[in-house]
């Protein structure tokens, strides 16, 4: 059984990665609807991180993971090499896969309080919907 603080910290780091990633990718997306979606999702991820930290009684932390930083860097490289919206949607979907996995792992832990579990479950619904929406946009923008 993992410590609730450690479990939640991992989810918060992935949410912070998503916040930074969506905002970074929004700067490069050409489709105005996708750009707006990425800006909204960036804000939502920041709100989710804050909400989770409050539910778990943790101090505010806006750090992401080194893997997330590398993922964003790789997305930027792809854009500079001529990748368009499809490439960024593909990279964003990979980030959403990480978010889905973080929520699944956190919810599988036994030592999570009822308040934190409820917060995770509510947020997970949005994350799953966002993943599916980004995947559909990626498929629609297939080169």
N, C-alpha and C. Protein backbone atom coordinates (compact mmCIF):
# COMPACT_ATOMS: atom_id res chain seq x y z
N UNK A 1 0.84 -1.19 0.00
CA UNK A 1 0.00 0.00 0.00
C UNK A 1 0.89 1.25 0.00
N UNK A 2 0.70 2.08 -0.98
CA UNK A 2 1.50 3.30 -1.10
C UNK A 2 0.92 4.40 -0.22
N UNK A 3 1.77 5.34 0.14
CA UNK A 3 1.36 6.50 0.92
C UNK A 3 0.51 7.40 0.02
N UNK A 4 -0.63 7.89 0.55
CA UNK A 4 -1.54 8.73 -0.23
C UNK A 4 -0.80 9.94 -0.81
N UNK A 5 0.07 10.55 -0.02
CA UNK A 5 0.80 11.73 -0.48
C UNK A 5 1.62 11.41 -1.73
N UNK A 6 2.32 10.28 -1.72
CA UNK A 6 3.14 9.90 -2.88
C UNK A 6 2.28 9.61 -4.11
N UNK A 7 1.17 8.93 -3.89
CA UNK A 7 0.26 8.58 -4.99
C UNK A 7 -0.29 9.86 -5.63
N UNK A 8 -0.77 10.77 -4.80
CA UNK A 8 -1.37 12.00 -5.31
C UNK A 8 -0.30 12.88 -5.96
N UNK A 9 0.90 12.90 -5.39
CA UNK A 9 1.97 13.71 -5.96
C UNK A 9 2.28 13.28 -7.39
N UNK A 10 2.24 11.98 -7.65
CA UNK A 10 2.49 11.50 -9.01
C UNK A 10 1.41 11.97 -9.98
N UNK A 11 0.15 11.94 -9.54
CA UNK A 11 -0.94 12.43 -10.40
C UNK A 11 -0.79 13.93 -10.62
N UNK A 12 -0.47 14.66 -9.57
CA UNK A 12 -0.30 16.11 -9.68
C UNK A 12 0.83 16.44 -10.67
N UNK A 13 1.92 15.71 -10.62
CA UNK A 13 3.02 15.95 -11.55
C UNK A 13 2.58 15.73 -13.00
N UNK A 14 1.79 14.69 -13.23
CA UNK A 14 1.29 14.43 -14.58
C UNK A 14 0.31 15.53 -15.00
N UNK A 15 -0.51 16.00 -14.07
CA UNK A 15 -1.42 17.12 -14.38
C UNK A 15 -0.62 18.38 -14.70
N UNK A 16 0.44 18.63 -13.96
CA UNK A 16 1.29 19.79 -14.25
C UNK A 16 1.95 19.65 -15.61
N UNK A 17 2.37 18.43 -15.96
CA UNK A 17 2.90 18.19 -17.30
C UNK A 17 1.85 18.53 -18.35
N UNK A 18 0.61 18.10 -18.12
CA UNK A 18 -0.47 18.37 -19.06
C UNK A 18 -0.74 19.85 -19.18
N UNK A 19 -0.74 20.54 -18.06
CA UNK A 19 -0.95 22.00 -18.07
C UNK A 19 0.09 22.68 -18.95
N UNK A 20 1.35 22.35 -18.73
CA UNK A 20 2.44 22.96 -19.50
C UNK A 20 2.42 22.51 -20.96
N UNK A 21 2.16 21.24 -21.18
CA UNK A 21 2.15 20.69 -22.53
C UNK A 21 1.05 21.27 -23.39
N UNK A 22 -0.17 21.30 -22.86
CA UNK A 22 -1.29 21.86 -23.64
C UNK A 22 -1.03 23.33 -23.97
N UNK A 23 -0.51 24.08 -23.00
CA UNK A 23 -0.26 25.50 -23.26
C UNK A 23 0.84 25.68 -24.31
N UNK A 24 1.89 24.88 -24.20
CA UNK A 24 2.98 24.95 -25.17
C UNK A 24 2.49 24.57 -26.57
N UNK A 25 1.77 23.48 -26.67
CA UNK A 25 1.29 23.02 -27.98
C UNK A 25 0.26 23.98 -28.57
N UNK A 26 -0.53 24.65 -27.71
CA UNK A 26 -1.53 25.60 -28.20
C UNK A 26 -0.86 26.73 -28.98
N UNK A 27 0.36 27.05 -28.64
CA UNK A 27 1.08 28.12 -29.33
C UNK A 27 1.43 27.73 -30.77
N UNK A 28 1.46 26.43 -31.05
CA UNK A 28 1.87 25.96 -32.37
C UNK A 28 0.72 25.44 -33.24
N UNK A 29 -0.41 25.14 -32.61
CA UNK A 29 -1.57 24.60 -33.34
C UNK A 29 -2.15 25.67 -34.25
N UNK A 30 -2.45 25.28 -35.47
CA UNK A 30 -3.01 26.23 -36.43
C UNK A 30 -4.54 26.28 -36.37
N UNK A 31 -5.19 25.15 -36.17
CA UNK A 31 -6.66 25.08 -36.11
C UNK A 31 -7.15 25.83 -34.88
N UNK A 32 -7.95 26.90 -35.07
CA UNK A 32 -8.39 27.72 -33.94
C UNK A 32 -9.23 26.95 -32.91
N UNK A 33 -10.02 25.97 -33.36
CA UNK A 33 -10.82 25.18 -32.42
C UNK A 33 -9.93 24.29 -31.56
N UNK A 34 -8.93 23.69 -32.15
CA UNK A 34 -8.00 22.84 -31.40
C UNK A 34 -7.18 23.70 -30.45
N UNK A 35 -6.76 24.87 -30.93
CA UNK A 35 -6.01 25.80 -30.09
C UNK A 35 -6.83 26.15 -28.85
N UNK A 36 -8.10 26.47 -29.04
CA UNK A 36 -8.98 26.82 -27.91
C UNK A 36 -9.14 25.62 -26.96
N UNK A 37 -9.28 24.43 -27.52
CA UNK A 37 -9.38 23.22 -26.69
C UNK A 37 -8.12 23.05 -25.85
N UNK A 38 -6.96 23.23 -26.46
CA UNK A 38 -5.70 23.05 -25.73
C UNK A 38 -5.56 24.08 -24.61
N UNK A 39 -5.96 25.32 -24.87
CA UNK A 39 -5.89 26.35 -23.82
C UNK A 39 -6.83 25.99 -22.67
N UNK A 40 -8.05 25.54 -23.00
CA UNK A 40 -9.00 25.11 -21.95
C UNK A 40 -8.45 23.94 -21.15
N UNK A 41 -7.90 22.95 -21.86
CA UNK A 41 -7.38 21.77 -21.17
C UNK A 41 -6.18 22.14 -20.30
N UNK A 42 -5.37 23.06 -20.74
CA UNK A 42 -4.25 23.52 -19.93
C UNK A 42 -4.77 24.08 -18.60
N UNK A 43 -5.77 24.93 -18.68
CA UNK A 43 -6.34 25.53 -17.48
C UNK A 43 -7.01 24.47 -16.60
N UNK A 44 -7.70 23.53 -17.23
CA UNK A 44 -8.36 22.46 -16.47
C UNK A 44 -7.34 21.63 -15.72
N UNK A 45 -6.21 21.31 -16.34
CA UNK A 45 -5.19 20.50 -15.67
C UNK A 45 -4.62 21.24 -14.46
N UNK A 46 -4.42 22.56 -14.59
CA UNK A 46 -3.93 23.34 -13.45
C UNK A 46 -4.96 23.33 -12.32
N UNK A 47 -6.24 23.48 -12.68
CA UNK A 47 -7.30 23.44 -11.67
C UNK A 47 -7.39 22.07 -11.01
N UNK A 48 -7.26 21.01 -11.80
CA UNK A 48 -7.32 19.65 -11.24
C UNK A 48 -6.17 19.42 -10.26
N UNK A 49 -4.97 19.88 -10.61
CA UNK A 49 -3.82 19.70 -9.71
C UNK A 49 -4.08 20.41 -8.39
N UNK A 50 -4.56 21.64 -8.46
CA UNK A 50 -4.85 22.42 -7.26
C UNK A 50 -5.93 21.74 -6.42
N UNK A 51 -6.99 21.29 -7.08
CA UNK A 51 -8.09 20.61 -6.39
C UNK A 51 -7.62 19.34 -5.69
N UNK A 52 -6.79 18.56 -6.37
CA UNK A 52 -6.28 17.33 -5.78
C UNK A 52 -5.36 17.62 -4.59
N UNK A 53 -4.51 18.60 -4.74
CA UNK A 53 -3.62 18.96 -3.64
C UNK A 53 -4.42 19.41 -2.41
N UNK A 54 -5.47 20.17 -2.63
CA UNK A 54 -6.33 20.59 -1.52
C UNK A 54 -7.02 19.40 -0.88
N UNK A 55 -7.56 18.50 -1.69
CA UNK A 55 -8.28 17.33 -1.16
C UNK A 55 -7.35 16.45 -0.33
N UNK A 56 -6.08 16.38 -0.74
CA UNK A 56 -5.12 15.52 -0.05
C UNK A 56 -4.35 16.25 1.04
N UNK A 57 -4.59 17.56 1.19
CA UNK A 57 -3.89 18.34 2.20
C UNK A 57 -2.43 18.57 1.88
N UNK A 58 -2.11 18.66 0.59
CA UNK A 58 -0.73 18.87 0.17
C UNK A 58 -0.49 20.34 -0.15
N UNK A 59 0.77 20.77 -0.04
CA UNK A 59 1.09 22.15 -0.43
C UNK A 59 1.10 22.26 -1.95
N UNK A 60 0.89 23.46 -2.42
CA UNK A 60 0.84 23.72 -3.86
C UNK A 60 2.18 23.41 -4.50
N UNK A 61 2.14 22.63 -5.57
CA UNK A 61 3.34 22.25 -6.31
C UNK A 61 3.01 22.31 -7.78
N UNK A 62 3.80 23.05 -8.53
CA UNK A 62 3.54 23.19 -9.96
C UNK A 62 4.60 22.52 -10.81
N UNK A 63 5.41 21.66 -10.18
CA UNK A 63 6.45 20.95 -10.91
C UNK A 63 5.85 19.77 -11.67
N UNK A 64 6.39 19.52 -12.81
CA UNK A 64 6.01 18.35 -13.58
C UNK A 64 7.10 17.30 -13.46
N UNK A 65 7.15 16.40 -14.42
CA UNK A 65 8.15 15.34 -14.41
C UNK A 65 9.21 15.64 -15.47
N UNK A 66 10.37 15.02 -15.32
CA UNK A 66 11.40 15.19 -16.35
C UNK A 66 10.93 14.54 -17.65
N UNK A 67 10.18 13.44 -17.54
CA UNK A 67 9.64 12.79 -18.72
C UNK A 67 8.68 13.71 -19.47
N UNK A 68 7.89 14.48 -18.73
CA UNK A 68 6.97 15.43 -19.35
C UNK A 68 7.72 16.53 -20.07
N UNK A 69 8.80 17.01 -19.47
CA UNK A 69 9.61 18.05 -20.11
C UNK A 69 10.21 17.53 -21.42
N UNK A 70 10.69 16.30 -21.39
CA UNK A 70 11.25 15.68 -22.60
C UNK A 70 10.16 15.52 -23.65
N UNK A 71 8.96 15.11 -23.22
CA UNK A 71 7.83 14.93 -24.14
C UNK A 71 7.48 16.26 -24.83
N UNK A 72 7.44 17.34 -24.05
CA UNK A 72 7.14 18.65 -24.64
C UNK A 72 8.25 19.09 -25.60
N UNK A 73 9.49 18.86 -25.20
CA UNK A 73 10.63 19.20 -26.06
C UNK A 73 10.53 18.44 -27.38
N UNK A 74 10.21 17.16 -27.31
CA UNK A 74 10.10 16.33 -28.51
C UNK A 74 8.97 16.87 -29.41
N UNK A 75 7.87 17.29 -28.81
CA UNK A 75 6.79 17.89 -29.59
C UNK A 75 7.25 19.14 -30.31
N UNK A 76 8.03 19.97 -29.62
CA UNK A 76 8.56 21.19 -30.24
C UNK A 76 9.50 20.85 -31.40
N UNK A 77 10.33 19.82 -31.21
CA UNK A 77 11.24 19.40 -32.28
C UNK A 77 10.44 18.95 -33.50
N UNK A 78 9.39 18.17 -33.28
CA UNK A 78 8.55 17.70 -34.39
C UNK A 78 7.97 18.87 -35.17
N UNK A 79 7.52 19.90 -34.45
CA UNK A 79 6.96 21.08 -35.12
C UNK A 79 8.04 21.76 -35.96
N UNK A 80 9.22 21.91 -35.40
CA UNK A 80 10.31 22.58 -36.13
C UNK A 80 10.75 21.78 -37.35
N UNK A 81 10.51 20.48 -37.31
CA UNK A 81 10.86 19.63 -38.46
C UNK A 81 9.72 19.56 -39.48
N UNK A 82 8.69 20.37 -39.27
CA UNK A 82 7.62 20.45 -40.25
C UNK A 82 6.34 19.73 -39.88
N UNK A 83 6.28 19.16 -38.69
CA UNK A 83 5.05 18.50 -38.24
C UNK A 83 3.96 19.53 -38.01
N UNK A 84 2.76 19.22 -38.40
CA UNK A 84 1.65 20.15 -38.24
C UNK A 84 0.75 19.76 -37.08
N UNK A 85 -0.51 20.15 -37.21
CA UNK A 85 -1.49 19.89 -36.15
C UNK A 85 -1.60 18.40 -35.82
N UNK A 86 -1.57 17.57 -36.86
CA UNK A 86 -1.69 16.13 -36.63
C UNK A 86 -0.58 15.64 -35.70
N UNK A 87 0.63 16.09 -35.95
CA UNK A 87 1.77 15.69 -35.12
C UNK A 87 1.59 16.12 -33.67
N UNK A 88 1.11 17.35 -33.48
CA UNK A 88 0.90 17.84 -32.11
C UNK A 88 -0.26 17.11 -31.44
N UNK A 89 -1.29 16.80 -32.19
CA UNK A 89 -2.41 16.03 -31.63
C UNK A 89 -1.94 14.63 -31.23
N UNK A 90 -1.10 14.06 -32.04
CA UNK A 90 -0.55 12.74 -31.74
C UNK A 90 0.28 12.79 -30.45
N UNK A 91 1.10 13.80 -30.32
CA UNK A 91 1.93 13.96 -29.13
C UNK A 91 1.06 14.25 -27.91
N UNK A 92 0.03 15.07 -28.07
CA UNK A 92 -0.89 15.36 -26.96
C UNK A 92 -1.62 14.09 -26.53
N UNK A 93 -1.99 13.26 -27.48
CA UNK A 93 -2.67 12.01 -27.12
C UNK A 93 -1.75 11.12 -26.29
N UNK A 94 -0.48 11.10 -26.61
CA UNK A 94 0.47 10.31 -25.81
C UNK A 94 0.53 10.84 -24.38
N UNK A 95 0.48 12.15 -24.24
CA UNK A 95 0.43 12.75 -22.91
C UNK A 95 -0.85 12.37 -22.17
N UNK A 96 -1.95 12.32 -22.91
CA UNK A 96 -3.22 11.91 -22.31
C UNK A 96 -3.18 10.45 -21.88
N UNK A 97 -2.43 9.62 -22.61
CA UNK A 97 -2.25 8.22 -22.18
C UNK A 97 -1.59 8.18 -20.81
N UNK A 98 -0.59 9.04 -20.60
CA UNK A 98 0.10 9.10 -19.30
C UNK A 98 -0.86 9.55 -18.20
N UNK A 99 -1.72 10.49 -18.52
CA UNK A 99 -2.71 10.96 -17.53
C UNK A 99 -3.69 9.85 -17.18
N UNK A 100 -4.18 9.15 -18.20
CA UNK A 100 -5.10 8.02 -17.94
C UNK A 100 -4.45 7.00 -17.02
N UNK A 101 -3.21 6.68 -17.31
CA UNK A 101 -2.48 5.68 -16.51
C UNK A 101 -2.28 6.16 -15.07
N UNK A 102 -1.97 7.43 -14.89
CA UNK A 102 -1.75 7.97 -13.54
C UNK A 102 -3.03 7.86 -12.71
N UNK A 103 -4.17 8.16 -13.32
CA UNK A 103 -5.43 8.06 -12.60
C UNK A 103 -5.76 6.60 -12.29
N UNK A 104 -5.55 5.71 -13.25
CA UNK A 104 -5.82 4.29 -13.02
C UNK A 104 -4.99 3.75 -11.87
N UNK A 105 -3.70 4.08 -11.85
CA UNK A 105 -2.83 3.60 -10.78
C UNK A 105 -3.24 4.18 -9.43
N UNK A 106 -3.56 5.46 -9.40
CA UNK A 106 -3.95 6.10 -8.14
C UNK A 106 -5.23 5.48 -7.60
N UNK A 107 -6.19 5.25 -8.48
CA UNK A 107 -7.48 4.68 -8.03
C UNK A 107 -7.36 3.21 -7.63
N UNK A 108 -6.31 2.55 -8.05
CA UNK A 108 -6.09 1.14 -7.67
C UNK A 108 -5.49 1.01 -6.27
N UNK A 109 -5.00 2.11 -5.71
CA UNK A 109 -4.39 2.10 -4.38
C UNK A 109 -5.45 2.00 -3.29
N UNK A 110 -5.13 1.27 -2.24
CA UNK A 110 -6.07 1.09 -1.12
C UNK A 110 -6.05 2.25 -0.13
N UNK A 111 -4.93 2.92 0.03
CA UNK A 111 -4.77 3.91 1.09
C UNK A 111 -5.26 5.30 0.76
N UNK A 112 -6.16 5.44 -0.19
CA UNK A 112 -6.67 6.74 -0.61
C UNK A 112 -7.93 7.08 0.18
N UNK A 113 -7.98 8.29 0.73
CA UNK A 113 -9.16 8.70 1.50
C UNK A 113 -10.37 8.82 0.57
N UNK A 114 -11.55 8.80 1.15
CA UNK A 114 -12.79 8.88 0.37
C UNK A 114 -12.87 10.20 -0.41
N UNK A 115 -12.46 11.29 0.22
CA UNK A 115 -12.51 12.60 -0.45
C UNK A 115 -11.58 12.63 -1.65
N UNK A 116 -10.37 12.10 -1.47
CA UNK A 116 -9.40 12.09 -2.57
C UNK A 116 -9.87 11.14 -3.67
N UNK A 117 -10.39 9.99 -3.29
CA UNK A 117 -10.89 9.03 -4.28
C UNK A 117 -12.01 9.64 -5.11
N UNK A 118 -12.92 10.33 -4.45
CA UNK A 118 -14.04 10.97 -5.16
C UNK A 118 -13.52 12.03 -6.13
N UNK A 119 -12.53 12.80 -5.70
CA UNK A 119 -11.93 13.82 -6.56
C UNK A 119 -11.27 13.17 -7.77
N UNK A 120 -10.51 12.12 -7.53
CA UNK A 120 -9.84 11.39 -8.62
C UNK A 120 -10.87 10.85 -9.62
N UNK A 121 -11.93 10.25 -9.11
CA UNK A 121 -12.94 9.65 -10.00
C UNK A 121 -13.63 10.72 -10.85
N UNK A 122 -13.95 11.86 -10.24
CA UNK A 122 -14.60 12.95 -10.97
C UNK A 122 -13.66 13.47 -12.07
N UNK A 123 -12.41 13.67 -11.72
CA UNK A 123 -11.44 14.19 -12.69
C UNK A 123 -11.15 13.17 -13.78
N UNK A 124 -11.11 11.90 -13.41
CA UNK A 124 -10.80 10.85 -14.38
C UNK A 124 -11.82 10.84 -15.52
N UNK A 125 -13.08 11.10 -15.21
CA UNK A 125 -14.12 11.14 -16.26
C UNK A 125 -13.75 12.19 -17.30
N UNK A 126 -13.32 13.35 -16.84
CA UNK A 126 -12.93 14.41 -17.77
C UNK A 126 -11.69 14.02 -18.57
N UNK A 127 -10.70 13.45 -17.90
CA UNK A 127 -9.45 13.06 -18.56
C UNK A 127 -9.72 12.02 -19.65
N UNK A 128 -10.57 11.05 -19.36
CA UNK A 128 -10.92 10.03 -20.37
C UNK A 128 -11.63 10.66 -21.56
N UNK A 129 -12.55 11.59 -21.27
CA UNK A 129 -13.27 12.27 -22.35
C UNK A 129 -12.29 13.10 -23.19
N UNK A 130 -11.38 13.82 -22.53
CA UNK A 130 -10.40 14.63 -23.22
C UNK A 130 -9.52 13.77 -24.12
N UNK A 131 -9.08 12.63 -23.59
CA UNK A 131 -8.26 11.71 -24.39
C UNK A 131 -8.99 11.30 -25.66
N UNK A 132 -10.25 10.90 -25.50
CA UNK A 132 -11.02 10.44 -26.66
C UNK A 132 -11.24 11.58 -27.66
N UNK A 133 -11.46 12.78 -27.16
CA UNK A 133 -11.66 13.93 -28.03
C UNK A 133 -10.38 14.24 -28.82
N UNK A 134 -9.25 14.20 -28.16
CA UNK A 134 -7.98 14.48 -28.83
C UNK A 134 -7.66 13.38 -29.84
N UNK A 135 -7.95 12.14 -29.47
CA UNK A 135 -7.72 11.03 -30.40
C UNK A 135 -8.59 11.20 -31.65
N UNK A 136 -9.85 11.59 -31.46
CA UNK A 136 -10.75 11.79 -32.61
C UNK A 136 -10.25 12.94 -33.49
N UNK A 137 -9.78 14.01 -32.87
CA UNK A 137 -9.24 15.12 -33.65
C UNK A 137 -7.97 14.71 -34.40
N UNK A 138 -7.15 13.89 -33.74
CA UNK A 138 -5.93 13.38 -34.39
C UNK A 138 -6.31 12.56 -35.61
N UNK A 139 -7.29 11.68 -35.46
CA UNK A 139 -7.73 10.85 -36.58
C UNK A 139 -8.31 11.70 -37.70
N UNK A 140 -9.06 12.72 -37.34
CA UNK A 140 -9.66 13.61 -38.34
C UNK A 140 -8.59 14.40 -39.08
N UNK A 141 -7.48 14.71 -38.41
CA UNK A 141 -6.40 15.50 -39.01
C UNK A 141 -5.29 14.63 -39.58
N UNK A 142 -5.55 13.36 -39.75
CA UNK A 142 -4.52 12.44 -40.25
C UNK A 142 -4.02 12.92 -41.61
N UNK A 143 -2.73 12.89 -41.73
CA UNK A 143 -2.12 13.38 -42.99
C UNK A 143 -2.27 12.37 -44.10
